[in-house]
């Protein structure tokens, strides 16, 4: 049986042959108390009018994103 490193290399090569590239993202951990406090602070600062404007914009542009169903 191949080593884990060899299996990962083989998998990356198969994906690359299909035109798929692996990327890694570093994201804030939502389980972290400091991250949760920061999010709560940002949510508390949201204004209803800005949210309404954003939702209106999302609704307007979503009409262009709709694809015909087969």
PDB file of N, CA and C in Angstrom:
ATOM      1  N   UNK A   1       0.840  -1.184   0.000  1.00  0.00           N
ATOM      2  CA  UNK A   1       0.000   0.000   0.000  1.00  0.00           C
ATOM      3  C   UNK A   1       0.886   1.249   0.000  1.00  0.00           C
ATOM      4  N   UNK A   2       0.491   2.246  -0.750  1.00  0.00           N
ATOM      5  CA  UNK A   2       1.261   3.481  -0.859  1.00  0.00           C
ATOM      6  C   UNK A   2       1.185   4.269   0.449  1.00  0.00           C
ATOM      7  N   UNK A   3       2.195   5.063   0.687  1.00  0.00           N
ATOM      8  CA  UNK A   3       2.224   5.895   1.889  1.00  0.00           C
ATOM      9  C   UNK A   3       1.183   7.015   1.748  1.00  0.00           C
ATOM     10  N   UNK A   4       0.760   7.602   2.868  1.00  0.00           N
ATOM     11  CA  UNK A   4      -0.198   8.721   2.783  1.00  0.00           C
ATOM     12  C   UNK A   4       0.318   9.857   1.888  1.00  0.00           C
ATOM     13  N   UNK A   5       1.610  10.157   1.977  1.00  0.00           N
ATOM     14  CA  UNK A   5       2.164  11.234   1.146  1.00  0.00           C
ATOM     15  C   UNK A   5       2.060  10.885  -0.334  1.00  0.00           C
ATOM     16  N   UNK A   6       2.308   9.624  -0.683  1.00  0.00           N
ATOM     17  CA  UNK A   6       2.222   9.200  -2.082  1.00  0.00           C
ATOM     18  C   UNK A   6       0.770   9.228  -2.567  1.00  0.00           C
ATOM     19  N   UNK A   7      -0.160   8.816  -1.702  1.00  0.00           N
ATOM     20  CA  UNK A   7      -1.585   8.859  -2.082  1.00  0.00           C
ATOM     21  C   UNK A   7      -2.035  10.303  -2.319  1.00  0.00           C
ATOM     22  N   UNK A   8      -1.589  11.235  -1.470  1.00  0.00           N
ATOM     23  CA  UNK A   8      -1.948  12.643  -1.652  1.00  0.00           C
ATOM     24  C   UNK A   8      -1.353  13.180  -2.961  1.00  0.00           C
ATOM     25  N   UNK A   9      -0.102  12.805  -3.243  1.00  0.00           N
ATOM     26  CA  UNK A   9       0.541  13.255  -4.483  1.00  0.00           C
ATOM     27  C   UNK A   9      -0.229  12.736  -5.693  1.00  0.00           C
ATOM     28  N   UNK A  10      -0.626  11.474  -5.648  1.00  0.00           N
ATOM     29  CA  UNK A  10      -1.382  10.880  -6.741  1.00  0.00           C
ATOM     30  C   UNK A  10      -2.725  11.585  -6.911  1.00  0.00           C
ATOM     31  N   UNK A  11      -3.389  11.869  -5.791  1.00  0.00           N
ATOM     32  CA  UNK A  11      -4.681  12.552  -5.855  1.00  0.00           C
ATOM     33  C   UNK A  11      -4.517  13.950  -6.453  1.00  0.00           C
ATOM     34  N   UNK A  12      -3.487  14.684  -6.038  1.00  0.00           N
ATOM     35  CA  UNK A  12      -3.241  16.019  -6.597  1.00  0.00           C
ATOM     36  C   UNK A  12      -2.971  15.947  -8.095  1.00  0.00           C
ATOM     37  N   UNK A  13      -2.213  14.952  -8.506  1.00  0.00           N
ATOM     38  CA  UNK A  13      -1.924  14.795  -9.939  1.00  0.00           C
ATOM     39  C   UNK A  13      -3.196  14.513 -10.734  1.00  0.00           C
ATOM     40  N   UNK A  14      -4.078  13.659 -10.185  1.00  0.00           N
ATOM     41  CA  UNK A  14      -5.354  13.376 -10.876  1.00  0.00           C
ATOM     42  C   UNK A  14      -6.186  14.646 -10.981  1.00  0.00           C
ATOM     43  N   UNK A  15      -6.259  15.400  -9.893  1.00  0.00           N
ATOM     44  CA  UNK A  15      -7.035  16.643  -9.917  1.00  0.00           C
ATOM     45  C   UNK A  15      -6.425  17.651 -10.891  1.00  0.00           C
ATOM     46  N   UNK A  16      -5.104  17.752 -10.881  1.00  0.00           N
ATOM     47  CA  UNK A  16      -4.444  18.685 -11.783  1.00  0.00           C
ATOM     48  C   UNK A  16      -4.728  18.312 -13.238  1.00  0.00           C
ATOM     49  N   UNK A  17      -4.746  17.021 -13.536  1.00  0.00           N
ATOM     50  CA  UNK A  17      -5.052  16.567 -14.895  1.00  0.00           C
ATOM     51  C   UNK A  17      -6.474  16.956 -15.299  1.00  0.00           C
ATOM     52  N   UNK A  18      -7.369  17.074 -14.319  1.00  0.00           N
ATOM     53  CA  UNK A  18      -8.748  17.490 -14.588  1.00  0.00           C
ATOM     54  C   UNK A  18      -8.902  19.008 -14.580  1.00  0.00           C
ATOM     55  N   UNK A  19      -7.806  19.727 -14.326  1.00  0.00           N
ATOM     56  CA  UNK A  19      -7.872  21.186 -14.286  1.00  0.00           C
ATOM     57  C   UNK A  19      -8.317  21.720 -12.939  1.00  0.00           C
ATOM     58  N   UNK A  20      -8.190  20.921 -11.908  1.00  0.00           N
ATOM     59  CA  UNK A  20      -8.592  21.332 -10.564  1.00  0.00           C
ATOM     60  C   UNK A  20      -7.334  21.566  -9.741  1.00  0.00           C
ATOM     61  N   UNK A  21      -7.304  22.692  -9.040  1.00  0.00           N
ATOM     62  CA  UNK A  21      -6.150  23.014  -8.213  1.00  0.00           C
ATOM     63  C   UNK A  21      -6.568  23.115  -6.758  1.00  0.00           C
ATOM     64  N   UNK A  22      -5.796  22.497  -5.890  1.00  0.00           N
ATOM     65  CA  UNK A  22      -6.076  22.530  -4.461  1.00  0.00           C
ATOM     66  C   UNK A  22      -5.613  23.866  -3.891  1.00  0.00           C
ATOM     67  N   UNK A  23      -6.464  24.471  -3.075  1.00  0.00           N
ATOM     68  CA  UNK A  23      -6.072  25.663  -2.338  1.00  0.00           C
ATOM     69  C   UNK A  23      -6.406  25.439  -0.874  1.00  0.00           C
ATOM     70  N   UNK A  24      -5.754  26.159  -0.016  1.00  0.00           N
ATOM     71  CA  UNK A  24      -6.022  26.069   1.411  1.00  0.00           C
ATOM     72  C   UNK A  24      -6.375  27.455   1.919  1.00  0.00           C
ATOM     73  N   UNK A  25      -7.376  27.500   2.754  1.00  0.00           N
ATOM     74  CA  UNK A  25      -7.826  28.763   3.323  1.00  0.00           C
ATOM     75  C   UNK A  25      -7.655  28.736   4.830  1.00  0.00           C
ATOM     76  N   UNK A  26      -7.228  29.841   5.377  1.00  0.00           N
ATOM     77  CA  UNK A  26      -7.160  29.984   6.828  1.00  0.00           C
ATOM     78  C   UNK A  26      -8.298  30.919   7.222  1.00  0.00           C
ATOM     79  N   UNK A  27      -9.209  30.416   8.021  1.00  0.00           N
ATOM     80  CA  UNK A  27     -10.394  31.174   8.413  1.00  0.00           C
ATOM     81  C   UNK A  27     -10.437  31.340   9.924  1.00  0.00           C
ATOM     82  N   UNK A  28     -11.069  32.419  10.399  1.00  0.00           N
ATOM     83  CA  UNK A  28     -11.243  32.550  11.844  1.00  0.00           C
ATOM     84  C   UNK A  28     -12.104  31.396  12.370  1.00  0.00           C
ATOM     85  N   UNK A  29     -11.744  30.880  13.523  1.00  0.00           N
ATOM     86  CA  UNK A  29     -12.465  29.764  14.126  1.00  0.00           C
ATOM     87  C   UNK A  29     -13.686  30.296  14.868  1.00  0.00           C
ATOM     88  N   UNK A  30     -14.903  30.011  14.389  1.00  0.00           N
ATOM     89  CA  UNK A  30     -16.101  30.545  15.043  1.00  0.00           C
ATOM     90  C   UNK A  30     -16.329  29.973  16.448  1.00  0.00           C
ATOM     91  N   UNK A  31     -15.571  28.948  16.829  1.00  0.00           N
ATOM     92  CA  UNK A  31     -15.696  28.399  18.184  1.00  0.00           C
ATOM     93  C   UNK A  31     -14.884  29.197  19.193  1.00  0.00           C
ATOM     94  N   UNK A  32     -13.987  30.042  18.694  1.00  0.00           N
ATOM     95  CA  UNK A  32     -13.123  30.829  19.561  1.00  0.00           C
ATOM     96  C   UNK A  32     -13.916  31.959  20.222  1.00  0.00           C
ATOM     97  N   UNK A  33     -13.808  32.119  21.537  1.00  0.00           N
ATOM     98  CA  UNK A  33     -14.538  33.205  22.208  1.00  0.00           C
ATOM     99  C   UNK A  33     -14.183  34.585  21.658  1.00  0.00           C
ATOM    100  N   UNK A  34     -12.925  34.830  21.316  1.00  0.00           N
ATOM    101  CA  UNK A  34     -12.555  36.152  20.802  1.00  0.00           C
ATOM    102  C   UNK A  34     -13.185  36.399  19.431  1.00  0.00           C
ATOM    103  N   UNK A  35     -13.252  35.382  18.613  1.00  0.00           N
ATOM    104  CA  UNK A  35     -13.886  35.528  17.298  1.00  0.00           C
ATOM    105  C   UNK A  35     -15.382  35.762  17.474  1.00  0.00           C
ATOM    106  N   UNK A  36     -15.991  35.029  18.376  1.00  0.00           N
ATOM    107  CA  UNK A  36     -17.431  35.194  18.621  1.00  0.00           C
ATOM    108  C   UNK A  36     -17.733  36.604  19.122  1.00  0.00           C
ATOM    109  N   UNK A  37     -16.871  37.148  19.990  1.00  0.00           N
ATOM    110  CA  UNK A  37     -17.079  38.526  20.477  1.00  0.00           C
ATOM    111  C   UNK A  37     -16.953  39.522  19.335  1.00  0.00           C
ATOM    112  N   UNK A  38     -15.948  39.320  18.477  1.00  0.00           N
ATOM    113  CA  UNK A  38     -15.752  40.226  17.349  1.00  0.00           C
ATOM    114  C   UNK A  38     -16.951  40.194  16.397  1.00  0.00           C
ATOM    115  N   UNK A  39     -17.478  39.007  16.123  1.00  0.00           N
ATOM    116  CA  UNK A  39     -18.648  38.886  15.249  1.00  0.00           C
ATOM    117  C   UNK A  39     -19.862  39.558  15.886  1.00  0.00           C
ATOM    118  N   UNK A  40     -20.072  39.314  17.179  1.00  0.00           N
ATOM    119  CA  UNK A  40     -21.214  39.923  17.876  1.00  0.00           C
ATOM    120  C   UNK A  40     -21.118  41.443  17.833  1.00  0.00           C
ATOM    121  N   UNK A  41     -19.916  41.971  17.999  1.00  0.00           N
ATOM    122  CA  UNK A  41     -19.719  43.423  17.949  1.00  0.00           C
ATOM    123  C   UNK A  41     -20.056  43.953  16.554  1.00  0.00           C
ATOM    124  N   UNK A  42     -19.616  43.251  15.517  1.00  0.00           N
ATOM    125  CA  UNK A  42     -19.892  43.693  14.153  1.00  0.00           C
ATOM    126  C   UNK A  42     -21.378  43.605  13.823  1.00  0.00           C
ATOM    127  N   UNK A  43     -22.039  42.556  14.288  1.00  0.00           N
ATOM    128  CA  UNK A  43     -23.476  42.402  14.045  1.00  0.00           C
ATOM    129  C   UNK A  43     -24.243  43.519  14.748  1.00  0.00           C
ATOM    130  N   UNK A  44     -23.826  43.860  15.962  1.00  0.00           N
ATOM    131  CA  UNK A  44     -24.509  44.924  16.715  1.00  0.00           C
ATOM    132  C   UNK A  44     -24.397  46.267  16.005  1.00  0.00           C
ATOM    133  N   UNK A  45     -23.361  46.457  15.198  1.00  0.00           N
ATOM    134  CA  UNK A  45     -23.157  47.720  14.494  1.00  0.00           C
ATOM    135  C   UNK A  45     -23.902  47.794  13.171  1.00  0.00           C
ATOM    136  N   UNK A  46     -24.536  46.713  12.738  1.00  0.00           N
ATOM    137  CA  UNK A  46     -25.266  46.731  11.475  1.00  0.00           C
ATOM    138  C   UNK A  46     -26.473  47.650  11.568  1.00  0.00           C
ATOM    139  N   UNK A  47     -26.770  48.309  10.460  1.00  0.00           N
ATOM    140  CA  UNK A  47     -27.962  49.155  10.428  1.00  0.00           C
ATOM    141  C   UNK A  47     -29.017  48.492   9.543  1.00  0.00           C
ATOM    142  N   UNK A  48     -30.257  48.655   9.931  1.00  0.00           N
ATOM    143  CA  UNK A  48     -31.365  48.037   9.188  1.00  0.00           C
ATOM    144  C   UNK A  48     -31.428  48.557   7.757  1.00  0.00           C
ATOM    145  N   UNK A  49     -31.162  49.858   7.559  1.00  0.00           N
ATOM    146  CA  UNK A  49     -31.255  50.410   6.200  1.00  0.00           C
ATOM    147  C   UNK A  49     -30.160  49.839   5.297  1.00  0.00           C
ATOM    148  N   UNK A  50     -28.959  49.671   5.827  1.00  0.00           N
ATOM    149  CA  UNK A  50     -27.880  49.091   5.024  1.00  0.00           C
ATOM    150  C   UNK A  50     -28.195  47.644   4.677  1.00  0.00           C
ATOM    151  N   UNK A  51     -28.743  46.923   5.644  1.00  0.00           N
ATOM    152  CA  UNK A  51     -29.100  45.530   5.390  1.00  0.00           C
ATOM    153  C   UNK A  51     -30.181  45.444   4.328  1.00  0.00           C
ATOM    154  N   UNK A  52     -31.153  46.330   4.400  1.00  0.00           N
ATOM    155  CA  UNK A  52     -32.233  46.346   3.418  1.00  0.00           C
ATOM    156  C   UNK A  52     -31.684  46.649   2.026  1.00  0.00           C
ATOM    157  N   UNK A  53     -30.763  47.625   1.945  1.00  0.00           N
ATOM    158  CA  UNK A  53     -30.144  47.950   0.651  1.00  0.00           C
ATOM    159  C   UNK A  53     -29.391  46.749   0.093  1.00  0.00           C
ATOM    160  N   UNK A  54     -28.657  46.062   0.954  1.00  0.00           N
ATOM    161  CA  UNK A  54     -27.887  44.891   0.515  1.00  0.00           C
ATOM    162  C   UNK A  54     -28.809  43.790   0.025  1.00  0.00           C
ATOM    163  N   UNK A  55     -29.885  43.536   0.750  1.00  0.00           N
ATOM    164  CA  UNK A  55     -30.830  42.492   0.342  1.00  0.00           C
ATOM    165  C   UNK A  55     -31.512  42.851  -0.976  1.00  0.00           C
ATOM    166  N   UNK A  56     -31.847  44.127  -1.149  1.00  0.00           N
ATOM    167  CA  UNK A  56     -32.447  44.568  -2.415  1.00  0.00           C
ATOM    168  C   UNK A  56     -31.481  44.340  -3.576  1.00  0.00           C
ATOM    169  N   UNK A  57     -30.195  44.654  -3.364  1.00  0.00           N
ATOM    170  CA  UNK A  57     -29.199  44.465  -4.400  1.00  0.00           C
ATOM    171  C   UNK A  57     -29.046  42.985  -4.727  1.00  0.00           C
ATOM    172  N   UNK A  58     -28.976  42.147  -3.700  1.00  0.00           N
ATOM    173  CA  UNK A  58     -28.838  40.697  -3.917  1.00  0.00           C
ATOM    174  C   UNK A  58     -30.021  40.171  -4.726  1.00  0.00           C
ATOM    175  N   UNK A  59     -31.204  40.620  -4.375  1.00  0.00           N
ATOM    176  CA  UNK A  59     -32.396  40.176  -5.098  1.00  0.00           C
ATOM    177  C   UNK A  59     -32.348  40.632  -6.559  1.00  0.00           C
ATOM    178  N   UNK A  60     -31.893  41.861  -6.791  1.00  0.00           N
ATOM    179  CA  UNK A  60     -31.835  42.388  -8.160  1.00  0.00           C
ATOM    180  C   UNK A  60     -30.829  41.616  -9.012  1.00  0.00           C
ATOM    181  N   UNK A  61     -29.663  41.332  -8.482  1.00  0.00           N
ATOM    182  CA  UNK A  61     -28.657  40.657  -9.290  1.00  0.00           C
ATOM    183  C   UNK A  61     -28.898  39.159  -9.383  1.00  0.00           C
ATOM    184  N   UNK A  62     -29.671  38.608  -8.479  1.00  0.00           N
ATOM    185  CA  UNK A  62     -29.912  37.162  -8.528  1.00  0.00           C
ATOM    186  C   UNK A  62     -30.711  36.773  -9.767  1.00  0.00           C
ATOM    187  N   UNK A  63     -31.443  37.703 -10.331  1.00  0.00           N
ATOM    188  CA  UNK A  63     -32.191  37.416 -11.553  1.00  0.00           C
ATOM    189  C   UNK A  63     -31.240  37.077 -12.698  1.00  0.00           C
ATOM    190  N   UNK A  64     -30.048  37.659 -12.692  1.00  0.00           N
ATOM    191  CA  UNK A  64     -29.077  37.406 -13.746  1.00  0.00           C
ATOM    192  C   UNK A  64     -28.355  36.088 -13.542  1.00  0.00           C
ATOM    193  N   UNK A  65     -28.309  35.606 -12.321  1.00  0.00           N
ATOM    194  CA  UNK A  65     -27.580  34.377 -12.016  1.00  0.00           C
ATOM    195  C   UNK A  65     -28.386  33.118 -12.282  1.00  0.00           C
ATOM    196  N   UNK A  66     -29.675  33.263 -12.454  1.00  0.00           N
ATOM    197  CA  UNK A  66     -30.519  32.097 -12.630  1.00  0.00           C
ATOM    198  C   UNK A  66     -30.225  31.436 -13.965  1.00  0.00           C
ATOM    199  N   UNK A  67     -30.025  30.136 -13.910  1.00  0.00           N
ATOM    200  CA  UNK A  67     -29.751  29.380 -15.130  1.00  0.00           C
ATOM    201  C   UNK A  67     -30.979  28.582 -15.513  1.00  0.00           C
ATOM    202  N   UNK A  68     -31.187  28.408 -16.809  1.00  0.00           N
ATOM    203  CA  UNK A  68     -32.339  27.607 -17.217  1.00  0.00           C
ATOM    204  C   UNK A  68     -32.173  26.161 -16.746  1.00  0.00           C
ATOM    205  N   UNK A  69     -33.245  25.587 -16.304  1.00  0.00           N
ATOM    206  CA  UNK A  69     -33.204  24.185 -15.835  1.00  0.00           C
ATOM    207  C   UNK A  69     -33.369  23.249 -17.001  1.00  0.00           C
ATOM    208  N   UNK A  70     -32.703  22.127 -16.890  1.00  0.00           N
ATOM    209  CA  UNK A  70     -32.777  21.125 -17.959  1.00  0.00           C
ATOM    210  C   UNK A  70     -33.944  20.201 -17.760  1.00  0.00           C
TER     211      UNK A  70
END
